[in-house]
Protein backbone atom coordinates (compact mmCIF):
# COMPACT_ATOMS: atom_id res chain seq x y z
CA MET A 1 33.38 -39.57 -18.78
CA LYS A 2 32.94 -40.67 -22.51
CA THR A 3 32.62 -36.84 -23.51
CA GLN A 4 35.79 -36.15 -21.52
CA SER A 5 37.66 -39.07 -23.17
CA CYS A 6 36.85 -37.67 -26.64
CA PHE A 7 38.01 -33.99 -26.00
CA ARG A 8 41.49 -35.50 -24.59
CA ARG A 9 41.79 -37.37 -27.85
CA LEU A 10 41.10 -33.97 -29.78
CA LEU A 11 43.60 -31.99 -27.81
CA LEU A 12 46.02 -34.90 -28.44
CA THR A 13 45.60 -34.46 -32.26
CA ALA A 14 45.94 -30.77 -32.08
CA SER A 15 49.18 -31.25 -30.53
CA LEU A 16 50.63 -33.28 -33.26
CA PHE A 17 50.52 -30.39 -35.72
CA PRO A 18 54.04 -29.59 -37.17
CA ALA A 19 56.32 -27.31 -35.25
CA THR A 20 56.17 -24.78 -37.91
CA LEU A 21 52.49 -24.48 -37.58
CA SER A 22 52.82 -24.06 -33.74
CA ALA A 23 55.40 -21.16 -34.46
CA ASP A 24 52.67 -19.46 -36.40
CA MET A 25 50.44 -19.27 -33.54
CA GLY A 26 52.10 -16.14 -32.35
CA ASN A 27 51.16 -14.31 -35.43
CA HIS A 28 48.23 -11.98 -34.26
CA GLU A 29 47.90 -10.22 -37.82
CA GLN A 30 44.76 -8.25 -38.58
CA TRP A 31 41.69 -10.41 -39.77
CA PRO A 32 40.72 -9.76 -43.31
CA LEU A 33 37.26 -8.48 -43.96
CA SER A 34 36.31 -11.17 -46.39
CA TYR A 35 37.93 -14.51 -47.95
CA TRP A 36 37.40 -17.79 -49.24
CA TYR A 37 38.81 -20.88 -47.37
CA VAL A 38 39.38 -24.54 -48.03
CA GLY A 39 40.74 -27.10 -45.86
CA GLY A 40 40.44 -30.22 -43.83
CA GLU A 41 39.17 -31.30 -40.40
CA VAL A 42 39.25 -34.29 -38.08
CA GLY A 43 36.71 -34.88 -35.37
CA TYR A 44 35.43 -37.43 -32.89
CA TYR A 45 31.89 -38.50 -33.73
CA MET A 46 29.91 -39.72 -30.92
CA ILE A 47 26.84 -41.34 -32.35
CA GLU A 48 23.71 -42.21 -30.14
CA GLN A 49 23.09 -45.69 -30.22
CA ASP A 50 20.08 -47.39 -31.97
CA ASP A 51 20.96 -50.84 -32.13
CA ASP A 52 17.78 -51.99 -34.02
CA ARG A 53 18.83 -49.68 -36.82
CA THR A 54 22.66 -49.26 -36.79
CA GLY A 55 23.68 -52.16 -34.61
CA PRO A 56 26.21 -51.58 -31.98
CA LEU A 57 28.16 -48.98 -33.76
CA PRO A 58 31.05 -47.22 -31.36
CA ASP A 59 31.96 -43.95 -31.41
CA PHE A 60 34.70 -43.17 -34.15
CA TRP A 61 37.18 -40.50 -35.56
CA ARG A 62 36.22 -39.08 -38.87
CA PRO A 63 38.12 -36.86 -41.25
CA GLY A 64 36.47 -34.30 -43.28
CA PHE A 65 36.60 -31.56 -46.07
CA GLN A 66 35.54 -27.90 -45.64
CA LEU A 67 34.77 -25.13 -48.06
CA GLY A 68 33.76 -21.75 -46.78
CA ARG A 69 33.27 -17.91 -47.60
CA ARG A 70 33.52 -15.26 -45.03
CA PHE A 71 31.37 -12.48 -46.33
CA ASN A 72 32.26 -9.65 -43.91
CA ARG A 73 33.25 -9.13 -40.45
CA TYR A 74 30.15 -10.95 -38.86
CA LEU A 75 28.89 -13.57 -41.25
CA SER A 76 30.25 -16.66 -43.04
CA SER A 77 28.93 -19.83 -44.56
CA GLN A 78 30.51 -23.40 -44.96
CA LEU A 79 30.03 -26.61 -46.68
CA GLN A 80 31.30 -29.65 -44.91
CA PHE A 81 31.67 -33.23 -45.82
CA GLY A 82 32.84 -36.20 -43.70
CA GLN A 83 33.18 -39.79 -44.39
CA ALA A 84 34.35 -42.93 -42.13
CA ASP A 85 34.12 -46.69 -42.23
CA ARG A 86 33.59 -48.44 -38.90
CA THR A 87 33.24 -52.00 -37.73
CA LEU A 88 30.26 -53.15 -35.40
CA ARG A 89 31.25 -54.31 -32.03
CA ASP A 90 29.41 -57.46 -32.08
CA SER A 91 30.52 -58.54 -35.61
CA GLU A 92 32.90 -57.98 -38.49
CA GLN A 93 30.24 -56.13 -40.28
CA GLU A 94 31.41 -52.81 -41.99
CA VAL A 95 29.41 -49.67 -41.46
CA GLU A 96 30.03 -46.72 -43.95
CA HIS A 97 29.11 -43.35 -42.52
CA ARG A 98 28.84 -40.19 -44.62
CA GLN A 99 27.62 -36.71 -43.45
CA LEU A 100 27.00 -33.38 -45.59
CA SER A 101 26.27 -30.34 -43.87
CA ILE A 102 25.90 -26.77 -44.60
CA GLN A 103 25.95 -23.97 -41.88
CA THR A 104 25.84 -20.34 -41.32
CA ARG A 105 28.03 -18.79 -38.86
CA LEU A 106 27.75 -15.56 -36.83
CA HIS A 107 31.13 -14.34 -35.58
CA GLY A 108 32.00 -12.17 -32.59
CA ASN A 109 33.77 -9.30 -34.33
CA GLY A 110 35.95 -7.38 -31.81
CA ILE A 111 35.66 -10.09 -29.25
CA ASN A 112 39.20 -11.47 -28.55
CA LEU A 113 39.35 -14.77 -26.38
CA PHE A 114 43.26 -15.51 -25.94
CA THR A 115 43.85 -14.17 -29.40
CA THR A 116 40.99 -16.39 -30.83
CA HIS A 117 37.66 -15.12 -32.27
CA PRO A 118 34.49 -16.92 -31.34
CA TYR A 119 31.68 -17.83 -33.52
CA LEU A 120 28.12 -19.51 -33.25
CA GLY A 121 26.73 -21.72 -36.18
CA LEU A 122 23.37 -23.00 -37.20
CA GLY A 123 22.84 -25.33 -40.05
CA TYR A 124 21.60 -28.54 -41.69
CA ALA A 125 23.08 -31.72 -42.05
CA ARG A 126 22.42 -34.91 -44.31
CA HIS A 127 23.37 -38.11 -42.34
CA GLU A 128 23.71 -41.59 -44.02
CA LEU A 129 24.75 -44.96 -42.65
CA THR A 130 25.18 -47.81 -45.10
CA THR A 131 25.82 -51.54 -44.07
CA ASP A 132 25.70 -54.78 -46.23
CA ALA A 133 23.10 -56.40 -43.91
CA ARG A 134 20.64 -53.46 -43.57
CA ASP A 135 19.05 -50.99 -45.82
CA PRO A 136 20.84 -47.45 -45.97
CA ILE A 137 19.77 -45.13 -43.03
CA GLU A 138 19.16 -41.56 -44.17
CA GLU A 139 18.65 -38.74 -41.51
CA ASN A 140 18.12 -35.10 -41.72
CA MET A 141 19.37 -33.23 -38.86
CA VAL A 142 19.60 -29.86 -37.46
CA LEU A 143 22.91 -28.75 -36.23
CA VAL A 144 24.24 -26.03 -33.79
CA GLU A 145 27.98 -25.40 -33.37
CA LEU A 146 30.33 -23.27 -31.30
CA GLY A 147 33.88 -22.63 -31.94
CA VAL A 148 36.88 -20.51 -32.08
CA GLN A 149 39.09 -19.31 -35.11
CA ARG A 150 42.67 -18.21 -34.98
CA LEU A 151 44.96 -16.84 -37.84
CA LEU A 152 48.17 -18.99 -38.34
CA GLY A 153 50.32 -16.61 -40.64
CA GLN A 154 49.34 -15.08 -43.94
CA HIS A 155 47.04 -17.68 -45.21
CA LEU A 156 46.56 -20.50 -42.51
CA MET A 157 43.44 -20.53 -40.11
CA LEU A 158 42.99 -22.73 -37.12
CA ASP A 159 39.36 -23.84 -36.37
CA ILE A 160 38.33 -25.64 -33.08
CA GLY A 161 34.79 -26.36 -32.38
CA TYR A 162 31.91 -28.61 -31.25
CA ARG A 163 28.86 -29.60 -33.18
CA HIS A 164 25.47 -30.62 -31.68
CA LEU A 165 23.28 -32.48 -34.21
CA VAL A 166 19.58 -33.49 -33.59
CA ASP A 167 17.60 -35.76 -35.81
CA HIS A 168 14.59 -34.07 -37.30
CA GLY A 169 12.35 -37.23 -37.13
CA ASP A 170 13.49 -39.37 -34.22
CA THR A 171 14.93 -36.46 -32.02
CA PHE A 172 18.01 -38.31 -31.09
CA THR A 173 21.26 -36.40 -31.07
CA ASP A 174 24.94 -36.88 -32.00
CA ARG A 175 27.93 -34.92 -30.74
CA HIS A 176 31.01 -34.00 -32.81
CA PRO A 177 34.00 -32.03 -31.54
CA PHE A 178 36.53 -31.20 -34.20
CA ILE A 179 39.73 -29.36 -35.33
CA ALA A 180 40.14 -28.08 -38.70
CA LEU A 181 43.17 -26.38 -40.60
CA ASN A 182 42.04 -24.06 -43.42
CA TYR A 183 43.96 -22.16 -46.15
CA ARG A 184 42.45 -18.66 -47.02
CA LEU A 185 42.11 -17.30 -50.65
CA GLY A 186 40.91 -14.08 -52.06
CA GLN A 187 41.68 -11.98 -48.83
CA ARG A 188 40.24 -8.56 -48.69
CA TYR A 189 41.65 -6.40 -45.84
CA PRO A 190 40.34 -2.86 -44.43
CA GLU A 191 41.77 0.18 -46.36
CA PRO A 192 44.62 1.61 -44.31
CA PRO A 193 43.56 5.27 -42.92
CA ALA A 194 44.72 7.99 -45.44
CA PRO A 195 47.69 9.63 -44.14
CA ALA A 196 47.01 13.25 -42.75
CA ALA A 197 47.59 15.74 -45.70
CA LYS A 198 50.73 17.88 -44.87
CA PRO A 199 50.12 21.60 -45.26
CA ALA A 200 51.57 22.94 -48.43
CA PRO A 201 54.82 24.85 -47.99
CA PRO A 202 54.59 28.51 -48.52
CA PRO A 203 55.45 29.40 -52.07
CA ALA A 204 58.91 30.47 -52.26
CA PRO A 205 59.40 34.30 -53.30
CA ALA A 206 60.40 34.72 -56.97
CA PRO A 207 63.97 35.87 -57.43
CA TRP A 208 64.54 39.48 -56.72
CA GLN A 209 60.78 40.16 -55.99
CA ASP A 210 60.07 43.19 -53.96
CA SER A 211 56.48 43.25 -53.05
CA ASP A 212 56.33 46.38 -51.04
CA GLY A 213 58.75 48.27 -53.30
CA ASP A 214 61.33 49.48 -50.80
CA GLY A 215 64.35 48.27 -52.77
CA VAL A 216 64.90 45.00 -50.56
CA GLU A 217 63.99 41.64 -52.22
CA ASP A 218 61.31 39.78 -50.44
CA ARG A 219 63.58 36.69 -49.34
CA LYS A 220 65.64 39.10 -47.37
CA ASP A 221 63.03 41.55 -46.25
CA LYS A 222 62.06 41.47 -42.57
CA CYS A 223 59.62 44.04 -42.62
CA PRO A 224 57.51 43.19 -45.73
CA ASP A 225 54.71 45.81 -45.36
CA THR A 226 56.85 48.98 -45.47
CA PRO A 227 54.81 52.05 -46.71
CA ARG A 228 55.70 53.46 -50.00
CA GLY A 229 58.19 56.07 -49.97
CA ALA A 230 59.75 55.17 -46.55
CA LYS A 231 63.61 54.96 -46.28
CA VAL A 232 64.68 51.59 -45.22
CA ASP A 233 67.77 49.74 -43.87
CA ALA A 234 69.49 46.81 -45.33
CA GLU A 235 66.76 44.28 -43.81
CA GLY A 236 63.82 46.25 -45.38
CA CYS A 237 62.97 48.00 -42.23
CA PRO A 238 61.85 51.56 -42.07
CA ILE A 239 64.52 53.98 -40.63
CA MET A 240 62.85 56.05 -37.57
CA LEU A 241 63.67 59.65 -36.84
CA THR A 242 62.63 61.51 -33.66
CA GLU A 243 60.45 64.49 -34.60
CA SER A 244 60.29 67.14 -31.98
CA VAL A 245 57.72 70.13 -31.64
CA ASN A 246 58.10 73.20 -29.59
CA ILE A 247 55.24 75.74 -29.32
CA THR A 248 54.93 78.88 -27.23
CA LEU A 249 51.95 80.69 -27.15
CA ASP A 250 51.17 84.20 -25.50
CA ILE A 251 47.78 85.19 -24.52
CA GLU A 252 47.43 88.83 -23.30
CA PHE A 253 44.78 89.77 -20.62
CA ALA A 254 42.98 93.08 -19.87
CA PHE A 255 43.99 95.14 -16.88
CA ASN A 256 43.39 93.31 -13.59
CA SER A 257 41.46 90.71 -15.36
CA THR A 258 41.68 86.91 -15.48
CA GLU A 259 39.14 86.35 -18.40
CA VAL A 260 40.51 84.67 -21.42
CA PRO A 261 39.81 86.84 -24.52
CA ALA A 262 37.89 85.24 -27.10
CA ARG A 263 40.34 86.17 -29.91
CA TYR A 264 42.70 83.67 -28.33
CA LEU A 265 40.45 80.57 -28.57
CA ALA A 266 41.67 79.60 -31.96
CA ASP A 267 45.23 79.73 -30.82
CA ILE A 268 44.42 77.79 -27.59
CA GLY A 269 42.84 75.02 -29.94
CA LYS A 270 46.10 74.74 -31.85
CA ILE A 271 47.74 73.63 -28.49
CA ALA A 272 44.78 71.19 -27.97
CA THR A 273 45.54 69.68 -31.33
CA VAL A 274 49.37 69.09 -30.65
CA MET A 275 48.45 67.56 -27.28
CA VAL A 276 46.14 65.01 -29.24
CA GLU A 277 48.67 64.17 -31.81
CA TYR A 278 51.35 63.67 -29.04
CA PRO A 279 49.38 62.02 -26.25
CA GLY A 280 52.39 61.56 -24.04
CA SER A 281 53.47 65.24 -23.77
CA PRO A 282 52.71 67.60 -20.88
CA LEU A 283 51.74 71.23 -21.13
CA MET A 284 53.11 74.07 -18.88
CA LEU A 285 50.98 77.25 -18.42
CA GLU A 286 52.85 80.27 -17.05
CA GLY A 287 50.91 83.40 -15.83
CA HIS A 288 52.37 86.95 -15.74
CA THR A 289 51.27 90.32 -14.92
CA ASP A 290 52.53 94.04 -15.30
CA SER A 291 54.19 95.97 -12.35
CA VAL A 292 50.97 97.67 -11.41
CA GLY A 293 50.14 96.56 -7.71
CA SER A 294 51.69 94.82 -5.01
CA THR A 295 53.92 91.70 -5.60
CA ALA A 296 51.86 89.55 -3.55
CA TYR A 297 48.61 90.68 -5.41
CA ASN A 298 50.47 90.23 -8.75
CA GLN A 299 51.58 86.79 -7.95
CA SER A 300 47.98 85.47 -7.05
CA LEU A 301 46.76 87.30 -10.29
CA SER A 302 49.28 85.55 -12.38
CA GLN A 303 48.37 82.00 -10.99
CA ASP A 304 44.67 82.67 -11.62
CA ARG A 305 45.35 83.66 -15.36
CA ALA A 306 47.27 80.42 -15.90
CA ASP A 307 44.36 78.32 -14.37
CA ALA A 308 41.86 80.28 -16.52
CA VAL A 309 43.41 79.04 -19.61
CA LYS A 310 43.62 75.32 -18.27
CA ARG A 311 39.85 75.64 -17.77
CA VAL A 312 39.52 76.61 -21.50
CA LEU A 313 41.58 73.57 -22.44
CA VAL A 314 39.63 71.10 -20.34
CA ARG A 315 36.16 72.44 -20.78
CA HIS A 316 36.31 73.25 -24.65
CA PHE A 317 38.77 70.89 -25.92
CA GLN A 318 38.40 67.81 -23.34
CA ILE A 319 42.20 67.82 -22.56
CA ASP A 320 43.07 65.68 -19.52
CA PRO A 321 43.54 68.06 -16.68
CA ALA A 322 46.42 65.80 -15.32
CA ARG A 323 48.55 66.59 -18.33
CA ILE A 324 48.34 70.53 -17.60
CA ARG A 325 50.59 72.07 -15.04
CA THR A 326 50.04 75.84 -14.07
CA ILE A 327 52.43 78.35 -12.53
CA GLY A 328 52.22 81.96 -11.50
CA MET A 329 55.22 84.08 -12.13
CA GLY A 330 53.79 87.37 -10.88
CA GLU A 331 55.50 90.54 -12.46
CA SER A 332 59.00 88.73 -12.17
CA GLN A 333 59.61 88.27 -15.75
CA PRO A 334 58.39 91.23 -17.89
CA ILE A 335 59.07 91.03 -21.73
CA ALA A 336 58.28 94.64 -22.36
CA ASP A 337 58.93 98.19 -20.34
CA ASN A 338 56.29 98.53 -17.58
CA ALA A 339 56.73 102.37 -17.95
CA THR A 340 54.46 102.33 -21.14
CA GLU A 341 50.63 101.25 -21.53
CA ALA A 342 51.91 99.03 -24.61
CA GLY A 343 54.61 97.34 -22.82
CA ARG A 344 52.33 96.65 -19.64
CA ALA A 345 49.74 95.24 -22.00
CA ARG A 346 52.21 92.93 -23.31
CA ASN A 347 53.39 91.74 -19.82
CA ARG A 348 49.73 90.83 -18.86
CA ARG A 349 50.09 87.37 -20.44
CA VAL A 350 50.08 83.59 -19.92
CA GLU A 351 52.60 81.60 -21.87
CA ALA A 352 51.83 78.24 -23.11
CA ILE A 353 54.95 75.80 -23.67
CA ILE A 354 54.77 72.28 -24.92
CA GLU A 355 57.61 70.05 -26.01
CA ALA A 356 56.58 67.05 -27.88
CA SER A 357 58.49 64.25 -29.76
CA ARG A 358 57.70 61.16 -31.67
CA GLU A 359 59.30 58.71 -34.15
CA VAL A 360 58.62 59.04 -37.69
CA MET A 361 59.66 57.30 -40.85
CA GLU A 362 62.43 59.08 -42.63
CA GLN A 363 61.32 59.54 -46.32
CA ARG A 364 63.25 58.93 -49.51
């Protein structure tokens, strides 16, 4: 019951802070990495009774002074001094109480308890009681403390905690809940993250610069890599023309033969070269005969001659057979007089016809 009473008194004291201080309680600013602080505290000191040494000394309120240093996110150290005068219960005798302590605190960095930061402390205290009737009482004490801190604006800091003090020689204990207000000095905050570097804008082209030499300056050129010598439009893009290729090749055959004469292989190779250069173009092979023999026989012979030339293109020059169409025309389209041997030789033929086109750049 006595402990509960002292905590009620401590909370009552906290409620008496000025209204401006209470308003600052909503300030959740970033904690500094390190700082000095100085301030005052008030606490309720509950001293263990030892009437033979101290007389019937009641518990008492005691003001104090704090000086501390926060080294980093996790560690701080504090020097504390408190003094109070109290009258014994059974007499008018005055007792003067003084206490000097130094403690090291371990802070829970990253722990947030209702916007407060907890700490655990361990330290040493020198305790003195002086009366007129007795010799001074001096005690060395070990203290353990537990508390929380909260920032109150740019410089102020609230500290609420509890100290448990144990006498080194007689092993009796004192208890000391307290509340303190400190002023922070020399604060050092974490460096803000460097802003992401913005990519450098591309360099603006120099006035009237023409990198590809097409006569259109770079800032207006929509086709900046035009080949040298190409004719371009006003936006620097090549002017394209459609190039057409028409090739007709006559291959003459021996009488009643479908064998392609070897002397025509070079000419057939030229047809294959064009088909490679123009891969989308088809080829038509037309087979023909002279008028010797029946019409039906000549029709079949002309088809076989066209197929023979196709086989040469496929086997010797690796042309896709799907691009080659063959047709037998028989004796229906002579180009010379069948009444003479020379005329009949010209009529025994295969005509290769290819029509190809592609777009090319117009040259200046």
